[in-house]
Structures are given as C-alpha cells and as structure tokens.
C-alpha cells in the first residue's frame, strides 16, 4: 500500500503562510486523488481540499481563497500552500491518497500546524 510522508508543519503567526508537502511512496499520477484533511482539537476530522489526478481541485469554504492545493506527479508529491493563516486553522493536518480504482483511502501520520494570534 502507498506510504505518505508529510512535512512542513509548525508554528506561525496569524497572517503568515506555510506550505505542507506530502510525498507518496509510489506513482500517484493516474492512480490517486490526493488531498488534505484536518482535525481541530476536540472536533471531528474535516475535509480541507482535494486534487484529482488531472489537476482539478476543490476546497472547503473555510479555506477557499486562502489555501491552494497542487500536485507534482513527477515527484509523487502533493502540496498545500496555506496563506493568510488564522488561529482557527490550528489543527493536525493529514494528507490522504484515494485510489481511483476501488476508492481505498490511505493516510499520512498528520502534522501539527499552530497559528498564534
């Protein structure tokens, strides 16, 4: 099964930016839809953004206009550029890969992003 290794979390001030990366252990182009979820302390995991194999993206309303998801199929990597961060974006962010055939989901281990106000 595909392994997902995340990087790029950390602590920032409100209004600043962070870029998350998620590297897959196998070819993602043509095989996986990629995306991000997040889990705020005490709440259920919520969807953030998705990007299809062909590059079509969708976003949760809470991040639309501030976050940008992208993928580099040559590097088997998906990115989440987070701009204009707010304190309410503080969460553990999880990368996921959804296999196109069979729709099995695979998850990264999650990385904390903390935005101080």
Protein backbone atom coordinates (compact mmCIF):
# COMPACT_ATOMS: atom_id res chain seq x y z
CA UNK A 1 0.00 0.00 0.00
CA UNK A 2 1.11 3.57 -0.59
CA UNK A 3 3.01 5.31 2.20
CA UNK A 4 2.57 9.05 2.70
CA UNK A 5 5.26 11.18 4.35
CA UNK A 6 4.30 14.70 5.34
CA UNK A 7 6.46 17.71 6.05
CA UNK A 8 6.13 21.44 6.54
CA UNK A 9 4.10 21.86 9.70
CA UNK A 10 4.96 24.18 12.54
CA UNK A 11 4.14 27.35 14.43
CA UNK A 12 3.37 30.63 12.68
CA UNK A 13 1.77 33.96 13.46
CA UNK A 14 -1.68 34.85 12.18
CA UNK A 15 -1.49 36.24 8.67
CA UNK A 16 1.63 34.27 7.78
CA UNK A 17 1.98 31.36 5.35
CA UNK A 18 3.05 27.73 5.44
CA UNK A 19 3.48 25.11 2.76
CA UNK A 20 2.78 21.48 3.51
CA UNK A 21 4.19 18.67 1.43
CA UNK A 22 3.16 15.03 1.20
CA UNK A 23 5.38 12.58 -0.64
CA UNK A 24 3.95 9.24 -1.75
CA UNK A 25 5.94 6.02 -1.96
CA UNK A 26 4.58 5.10 -5.38
CA UNK A 27 3.31 6.65 -8.57
CA UNK A 28 0.25 8.82 -7.95
CA UNK A 29 -0.39 10.16 -11.45
CA UNK A 30 -3.34 8.35 -12.97
CA UNK A 31 -3.89 6.27 -9.85
CA UNK A 32 -4.74 8.53 -6.91
CA UNK A 33 -6.82 11.51 -5.99
CA UNK A 34 -4.87 13.40 -3.34
CA UNK A 35 -5.92 15.77 -0.62
CA UNK A 36 -5.84 17.07 2.90
CA UNK A 37 -7.99 16.81 5.98
CA UNK A 38 -7.51 18.47 9.33
CA UNK A 39 -8.58 17.77 12.87
CA UNK A 40 -9.05 20.56 15.35
CA UNK A 41 -8.66 19.54 18.96
CA UNK A 42 -11.92 18.13 20.28
CA UNK A 43 -13.60 18.03 16.87
CA UNK A 44 -14.07 15.54 14.07
CA UNK A 45 -11.66 15.36 11.19
CA UNK A 46 -12.79 17.73 8.44
CA UNK A 47 -12.05 17.84 4.74
CA UNK A 48 -9.84 20.70 3.55
CA UNK A 49 -9.04 20.20 -0.14
CA UNK A 50 -8.80 17.62 -2.90
CA UNK A 51 -7.00 17.48 -6.21
CA UNK A 52 -7.74 14.88 -8.87
CA UNK A 53 -5.15 13.11 -10.99
CA UNK A 54 -5.88 15.55 -13.82
CA UNK A 55 -5.40 18.57 -11.55
CA UNK A 56 -8.97 19.61 -10.78
CA UNK A 57 -9.20 20.98 -7.23
CA UNK A 58 -11.89 21.63 -4.66
CA UNK A 59 -11.80 23.39 -1.30
CA UNK A 60 -13.77 23.64 1.89
CA UNK A 61 -15.47 27.02 2.22
CA UNK A 62 -13.41 27.77 5.33
CA UNK A 63 -10.15 27.78 3.34
CA UNK A 64 -11.27 28.81 -0.13
CA UNK A 65 -9.26 31.78 -1.38
CA UNK A 66 -6.52 31.25 1.20
CA UNK A 67 -5.28 27.69 0.62
CA UNK A 68 -4.06 26.21 -2.66
CA UNK A 69 -3.59 22.52 -3.32
CA UNK A 70 -1.27 21.35 -6.08
CA UNK A 71 0.49 18.17 -7.13
CA UNK A 72 3.65 17.22 -8.94
CA UNK A 73 3.08 13.78 -10.39
CA UNK A 74 6.72 13.52 -11.47
CA UNK A 75 7.71 13.77 -7.80
CA UNK A 76 4.67 11.86 -6.48
CA UNK A 77 4.04 14.77 -4.17
CA UNK A 78 1.05 16.89 -3.22
CA UNK A 79 1.32 20.34 -1.67
CA UNK A 80 -0.91 22.59 0.40
CA UNK A 81 0.02 26.26 0.32
CA UNK A 82 -1.66 27.97 3.26
CA UNK A 83 -1.80 31.76 3.19
CA UNK A 84 -3.40 34.32 5.49
CA UNK A 85 -3.46 31.78 8.28
CA UNK A 86 -5.89 32.29 11.13
CA UNK A 87 -5.90 30.99 14.68
CA UNK A 88 -8.86 28.77 13.76
CA UNK A 89 -6.66 26.97 11.21
CA UNK A 90 -4.75 25.45 14.12
CA UNK A 91 -5.09 21.70 13.71
CA UNK A 92 -3.36 18.48 12.87
CA UNK A 93 -3.27 18.26 9.08
CA UNK A 94 -3.44 14.87 7.38
CA UNK A 95 -2.54 14.03 3.82
CA UNK A 96 -4.62 11.35 2.11
CA UNK A 97 -4.49 9.41 -1.12
CA UNK A 98 -7.64 7.86 -2.59
CA UNK A 99 -7.03 5.14 -5.09
CA UNK A 100 -9.13 5.86 -8.18
CA UNK A 101 -9.94 2.20 -8.74
CA UNK A 102 -11.51 0.77 -5.62
CA UNK A 103 -11.57 4.10 -3.76
CA UNK A 104 -9.38 2.87 -0.91
CA UNK A 105 -8.06 5.70 1.28
CA UNK A 106 -4.54 5.91 2.67
CA UNK A 107 -3.44 8.41 5.29
CA UNK A 108 -0.33 10.21 6.39
CA UNK A 109 0.50 10.38 10.09
CA UNK A 110 -0.53 14.00 10.44
CA UNK A 111 1.44 17.09 11.40
CA UNK A 112 0.52 19.88 13.77
CA UNK A 113 0.03 23.38 12.43
CA UNK A 114 -0.33 26.05 15.12
CA UNK A 115 -1.30 29.62 14.31
CA UNK A 116 -0.87 32.10 17.12
CA UNK A 117 -2.92 35.26 17.17
